[in-house]
Amino acid sequence: MGKRNVGLVLMALAALCAAWWMPAEARNEWQQHQEQREERVAARLFDAIESSGAKGVSVEVRTRLSLGKLPGTEDVKDLAEKWARRLDMPHSEAKWAPSTRLFLYQVLANSQGVQVDYQVTGVPHQDGIDTYLVLSIKGNRDSLPYVDLIQDKHEQALVQAGLIPQFSTCIRGMYNVKLSVDQQEGKILSIFDALHARELERLQDETVVSLSGYTSEWNSFLSLNGQARMNLQVATHRDSRDGTWITAGTPIITAEY
């Protein structure tokens, strides 16, 4: 992956770092909106990718939330254990790795073809330790219903605690042929058409094509340059051996492609 694409991933991760406190009334409205969704985003992205001729390979749903600043190492561990209990993560699988640069509490859990990676990280500064909660839920086409269930469970726990998470959803697929740049562009545009999306930005080089845009099929979005709404990114990458990878993400791709 080129330097340009590394930059895109880093920007995506930075854009998804925020969490907002919500009063009870706003939380209720958010929950009602979640319950009214007619079709899950991940399933819709899978359908769009597969309709372009790719085979859907994997799904990752991810969120990163700020938990505030703490004074000491044991405070970070206590906070991580508290959130692990709240999210029903198995304590027997927990790993705690404090260091001078980064504190990491991690639990990996697997069930029904889904892997959940729970992390609380602490970044030390002179005036305290900044803490973040990271949740990653990974599965495939067959385990997608369980991915949805786990995401719902974690969203509800976070909202009940006064936080509102913004989950990103990334779907990966594979074309079993090496596509030219023009062919890659055509595949991406067919996905944009399937999702009724309009293009906002485009980046490409000899092996990679990436288009960002906006679709009204779901409500969440990021502000692009403080003005335009963006909630869809689709990128292709010609593999040196297997064929051509395609990744679709909302509101943006947060994994390497």
Protein backbone atom coordinates (compact mmCIF):
# COMPACT_ATOMS: atom_id res chain seq x y z
CA MET A 1 0.00 0.00 0.00
CA GLY A 2 1.41 3.39 -1.03
CA LYS A 3 2.10 6.39 1.17
CA ARG A 4 -1.06 8.06 -0.07
CA ASN A 5 -3.22 5.18 1.14
CA VAL A 6 -1.44 5.05 4.50
CA GLY A 7 -2.35 8.70 4.89
CA LEU A 8 -5.97 7.96 4.07
CA VAL A 9 -6.13 5.27 6.75
CA LEU A 10 -4.59 7.57 9.34
CA MET A 11 -7.03 10.36 8.48
CA ALA A 12 -9.90 7.91 8.73
CA LEU A 13 -8.84 6.76 12.17
CA ALA A 14 -8.48 10.32 13.36
CA ALA A 15 -11.89 11.25 12.04
CA LEU A 16 -13.53 8.47 14.05
CA CYS A 17 -11.89 9.19 17.41
CA ALA A 18 -14.65 11.36 18.86
CA ALA A 19 -17.39 10.36 21.33
CA TRP A 20 -20.22 12.59 22.54
CA TRP A 21 -22.02 12.77 25.87
CA MET A 22 -25.78 12.71 25.40
CA PRO A 23 -28.67 13.65 27.69
CA ALA A 24 -31.36 11.02 28.28
CA GLU A 25 -33.79 12.51 25.75
CA ALA A 26 -31.17 12.46 22.98
CA ARG A 27 -30.19 8.88 23.84
CA ASN A 28 -33.82 7.79 23.55
CA GLU A 29 -34.14 9.42 20.14
CA TRP A 30 -30.94 7.71 19.00
CA GLN A 31 -32.18 4.33 20.19
CA GLN A 32 -35.48 4.81 18.37
CA HIS A 33 -33.61 5.64 15.20
CA GLN A 34 -31.51 2.48 15.53
CA GLU A 35 -34.63 0.36 15.98
CA GLN A 36 -36.24 1.85 12.88
CA ARG A 37 -33.43 0.91 10.50
CA GLU A 38 -34.94 -1.28 7.78
CA GLU A 39 -31.71 -2.77 6.52
CA ARG A 40 -28.32 -3.16 8.11
CA VAL A 41 -25.50 -1.19 6.54
CA ALA A 42 -23.10 -4.16 6.40
CA ALA A 43 -25.60 -6.32 4.51
CA ARG A 44 -26.27 -3.47 2.08
CA LEU A 45 -22.56 -3.04 1.39
CA PHE A 46 -22.11 -6.80 0.92
CA ASP A 47 -24.96 -6.80 -1.62
CA ALA A 48 -23.47 -3.86 -3.52
CA ILE A 49 -20.01 -5.41 -3.68
CA GLU A 50 -21.28 -8.80 -4.77
CA SER A 51 -23.56 -7.24 -7.40
CA SER A 52 -20.40 -5.82 -9.01
CA GLY A 53 -19.00 -9.33 -9.49
CA ALA A 54 -16.78 -9.62 -6.42
CA LYS A 55 -16.96 -12.31 -3.78
CA GLY A 56 -17.67 -10.88 -0.32
CA VAL A 57 -14.86 -11.97 2.00
CA SER A 58 -15.03 -10.20 5.36
CA VAL A 59 -16.69 -7.51 7.48
CA GLU A 60 -15.24 -5.35 10.24
CA VAL A 61 -17.26 -3.02 12.46
CA ARG A 62 -15.15 -0.68 14.57
CA THR A 63 -15.40 2.23 16.99
CA ARG A 64 -12.91 4.26 19.05
CA LEU A 65 -14.04 6.38 22.01
CA SER A 66 -12.22 8.74 24.32
CA LEU A 67 -12.65 7.82 28.00
CA GLY A 68 -10.91 10.88 29.37
CA LYS A 69 -7.70 11.52 31.31
CA LEU A 70 -6.58 9.50 34.35
CA PRO A 71 -3.78 10.12 36.86
CA GLY A 72 -2.06 6.71 37.11
CA THR A 73 -1.40 3.27 35.65
CA GLU A 74 -3.68 1.35 38.03
CA ASP A 75 -6.50 3.76 37.22
CA VAL A 76 -6.21 2.77 33.56
CA LYS A 77 -6.34 -0.93 34.43
CA ASP A 78 -9.35 -0.42 36.74
CA LEU A 79 -11.18 1.51 34.01
CA ALA A 80 -10.40 -1.19 31.43
CA GLU A 81 -11.72 -3.92 33.74
CA LYS A 82 -14.87 -1.92 34.47
CA TRP A 83 -15.65 -1.49 30.78
CA ALA A 84 -14.82 -5.15 30.08
CA ARG A 85 -17.47 -6.16 32.64
CA ARG A 86 -19.94 -3.68 31.20
CA LEU A 87 -19.42 -5.11 27.70
CA ASP A 88 -19.46 -8.70 28.99
CA MET A 89 -15.94 -9.53 27.80
CA PRO A 90 -14.33 -12.69 29.29
CA HIS A 91 -11.83 -11.66 32.00
CA SER A 92 -9.94 -14.94 31.70
CA GLU A 93 -8.74 -13.86 28.25
CA ALA A 94 -7.55 -10.40 29.33
CA LYS A 95 -3.97 -9.24 28.75
CA TRP A 96 -2.46 -6.22 30.50
CA ALA A 97 0.70 -4.67 29.04
CA PRO A 98 1.83 -1.40 30.65
CA SER A 99 4.89 0.40 29.29
CA THR A 100 6.45 3.85 29.32
CA ARG A 101 4.87 4.77 25.98
CA LEU A 102 1.54 2.96 25.92
CA PHE A 103 -0.69 1.03 28.33
CA LEU A 104 -2.75 -1.71 26.71
CA TYR A 105 -5.54 -3.84 28.17
CA GLN A 106 -6.87 -6.30 25.58
CA VAL A 107 -9.42 -9.09 25.39
CA LEU A 108 -9.90 -11.27 22.29
CA ALA A 109 -13.08 -13.34 22.14
CA ASN A 110 -14.38 -15.68 19.42
CA SER A 111 -17.90 -17.00 18.99
CA GLN A 112 -20.10 -18.10 16.07
CA GLY A 113 -17.42 -17.18 13.52
CA VAL A 114 -17.01 -13.65 14.95
CA GLN A 115 -13.91 -12.22 16.59
CA VAL A 116 -14.29 -9.34 19.05
CA ASP A 117 -11.16 -7.36 19.87
CA TYR A 118 -11.65 -5.18 22.97
CA GLN A 119 -8.91 -2.74 23.91
CA VAL A 120 -8.42 0.08 26.36
CA THR A 121 -5.25 2.04 25.69
CA GLY A 122 -3.54 4.68 27.78
CA VAL A 123 -1.21 7.30 26.31
CA PRO A 124 0.89 8.92 29.06
CA HIS A 125 1.60 12.65 29.14
CA GLN A 126 3.16 14.92 31.75
CA ASP A 127 -0.26 15.84 33.16
CA GLY A 128 -1.90 12.40 33.06
CA ILE A 129 -2.86 9.47 30.85
CA ASP A 130 -5.30 9.85 27.94
CA THR A 131 -7.50 6.74 27.67
CA TYR A 132 -9.36 5.28 24.70
CA LEU A 133 -11.70 2.34 24.21
CA VAL A 134 -11.45 0.48 20.90
CA LEU A 135 -13.89 -2.20 19.77
CA SER A 136 -13.44 -4.23 16.61
CA ILE A 137 -15.96 -6.87 15.51
CA LYS A 138 -14.84 -9.08 12.61
CA GLY A 139 -16.72 -11.75 10.69
CA ASN A 140 -17.75 -12.89 7.23
CA ARG A 141 -20.89 -13.15 5.10
CA ASP A 142 -22.14 -16.23 6.97
CA SER A 143 -21.56 -14.76 10.44
CA LEU A 144 -22.99 -11.32 9.59
CA PRO A 145 -26.14 -11.78 11.74
CA TYR A 146 -23.93 -12.39 14.78
CA VAL A 147 -21.81 -9.34 13.94
CA ASP A 148 -25.02 -7.28 13.94
CA LEU A 149 -26.14 -8.73 17.27
CA ILE A 150 -22.82 -8.05 18.96
CA GLN A 151 -22.69 -4.52 17.57
CA ASP A 152 -26.19 -3.81 18.88
CA LYS A 153 -25.29 -5.17 22.31
CA HIS A 154 -22.19 -2.99 22.56
CA GLU A 155 -23.96 0.10 21.22
CA GLN A 156 -26.68 -0.24 23.84
CA ALA A 157 -24.15 -0.63 26.67
CA LEU A 158 -22.22 2.44 25.54
CA VAL A 159 -25.34 4.57 25.16
CA GLN A 160 -26.62 3.51 28.59
CA ALA A 161 -23.30 4.70 30.01
CA GLY A 162 -23.82 8.15 28.48
CA LEU A 163 -21.68 7.76 25.35
CA ILE A 164 -22.74 7.65 21.73
CA PRO A 165 -20.39 5.58 19.54
CA GLN A 166 -19.83 6.12 15.86
CA PHE A 167 -19.16 2.73 14.31
CA SER A 168 -17.42 2.39 10.98
CA THR A 169 -18.29 -0.56 8.76
CA CYS A 170 -15.83 -2.03 6.24
CA ILE A 171 -16.54 -4.85 3.79
CA ARG A 172 -13.81 -6.56 1.78
CA GLY A 173 -14.33 -8.49 -1.42
CA MET A 174 -12.20 -10.06 -4.12
CA TYR A 175 -12.33 -10.17 -7.93
CA ASN A 176 -10.48 -13.26 -9.13
CA VAL A 177 -8.81 -11.32 -11.97
CA LYS A 178 -6.29 -8.49 -12.01
CA LEU A 179 -8.28 -5.45 -13.12
CA SER A 180 -6.82 -2.46 -14.91
CA VAL A 181 -7.24 0.99 -13.36
CA ASP A 182 -10.09 1.73 -15.78
CA GLN A 183 -11.79 -1.56 -14.88
CA GLN A 184 -11.37 -0.85 -11.18
CA GLU A 185 -12.96 2.55 -11.65
CA GLY A 186 -15.88 0.94 -13.47
CA LYS A 187 -16.48 -1.53 -10.63
CA ILE A 188 -16.44 1.25 -8.03
CA LEU A 189 -18.83 3.40 -10.05
CA SER A 190 -21.23 0.46 -10.36
CA ILE A 191 -21.26 0.21 -6.55
CA PHE A 192 -21.89 3.95 -6.28
CA ASP A 193 -24.82 3.51 -8.69
CA ALA A 194 -26.20 0.60 -6.66
CA LEU A 195 -26.08 2.73 -3.49
CA HIS A 196 -27.41 5.87 -5.23
CA ALA A 197 -24.24 7.71 -4.19
CA ARG A 198 -22.64 10.80 -5.69
CA GLU A 199 -18.89 11.13 -5.99
CA LEU A 200 -17.04 13.80 -3.99
CA GLU A 201 -13.34 12.91 -4.18
CA ARG A 202 -11.11 10.57 -6.17
CA LEU A 203 -7.54 9.31 -5.76
CA GLN A 204 -5.72 6.78 -7.93
CA ASP A 205 -2.30 5.52 -8.96
CA GLU A 206 -0.96 2.56 -10.98
CA THR A 207 -2.67 -0.13 -8.85
CA VAL A 208 -5.15 1.64 -6.54
CA VAL A 209 -8.38 3.55 -7.11
CA SER A 210 -10.33 5.22 -4.27
CA LEU A 211 -13.60 7.16 -4.53
CA SER A 212 -15.37 8.95 -1.68
CA GLY A 213 -18.96 10.11 -1.80
CA TYR A 214 -22.34 10.48 -0.17
CA THR A 215 -25.48 8.33 -0.21
CA SER A 216 -28.84 9.06 1.39
CA GLU A 217 -29.38 5.34 2.10
CA TRP A 218 -28.19 5.86 5.69
CA ASN A 219 -28.08 8.90 7.92
CA SER A 220 -24.57 8.97 9.42
CA PHE A 221 -21.90 11.06 7.70
CA LEU A 222 -18.68 13.01 8.18
CA SER A 223 -18.12 16.60 7.10
CA LEU A 224 -15.67 16.86 4.24
CA ASN A 225 -13.67 20.10 4.34
CA GLY A 226 -16.23 21.42 6.80
CA GLN A 227 -18.95 21.49 4.14
CA ALA A 228 -19.85 18.46 2.05
CA ARG A 229 -21.31 15.34 3.66
CA MET A 230 -19.40 12.10 3.14
CA ASN A 231 -20.44 8.61 4.23
CA LEU A 232 -19.10 6.21 1.62
CA GLN A 233 -15.63 5.24 0.45
CA VAL A 234 -14.85 2.45 -1.99
CA ALA A 235 -11.30 1.47 -2.95
CA THR A 236 -9.70 -1.20 -5.11
CA HIS A 237 -6.19 -2.59 -4.97
CA ARG A 238 -4.66 -4.98 -7.50
CA ASP A 239 -2.95 -7.82 -5.64
CA SER A 240 0.39 -9.09 -6.89
CA ARG A 241 -0.81 -12.72 -6.82
CA ASP A 242 -4.53 -13.32 -6.23
CA GLY A 243 -6.52 -10.76 -8.20
CA THR A 244 -8.06 -7.44 -7.21
CA TRP A 245 -9.28 -6.51 -3.73
CA ILE A 246 -12.18 -4.16 -3.15
CA THR A 247 -13.06 -2.48 0.14
CA ALA A 248 -16.20 -0.48 0.87
CA GLY A 249 -16.56 1.51 4.07
CA THR A 250 -18.96 3.84 5.78
CA PRO A 251 -18.59 6.58 6.75
CA ILE A 252 -15.00 5.93 5.65
CA ILE A 253 -12.60 3.02 5.25
CA THR A 254 -10.69 2.49 8.52
CA ALA A 255 -8.64 -0.56 7.49
CA GLU A 256 -5.73 -1.01 5.13
CA TYR A 257 -6.63 -1.57 1.50
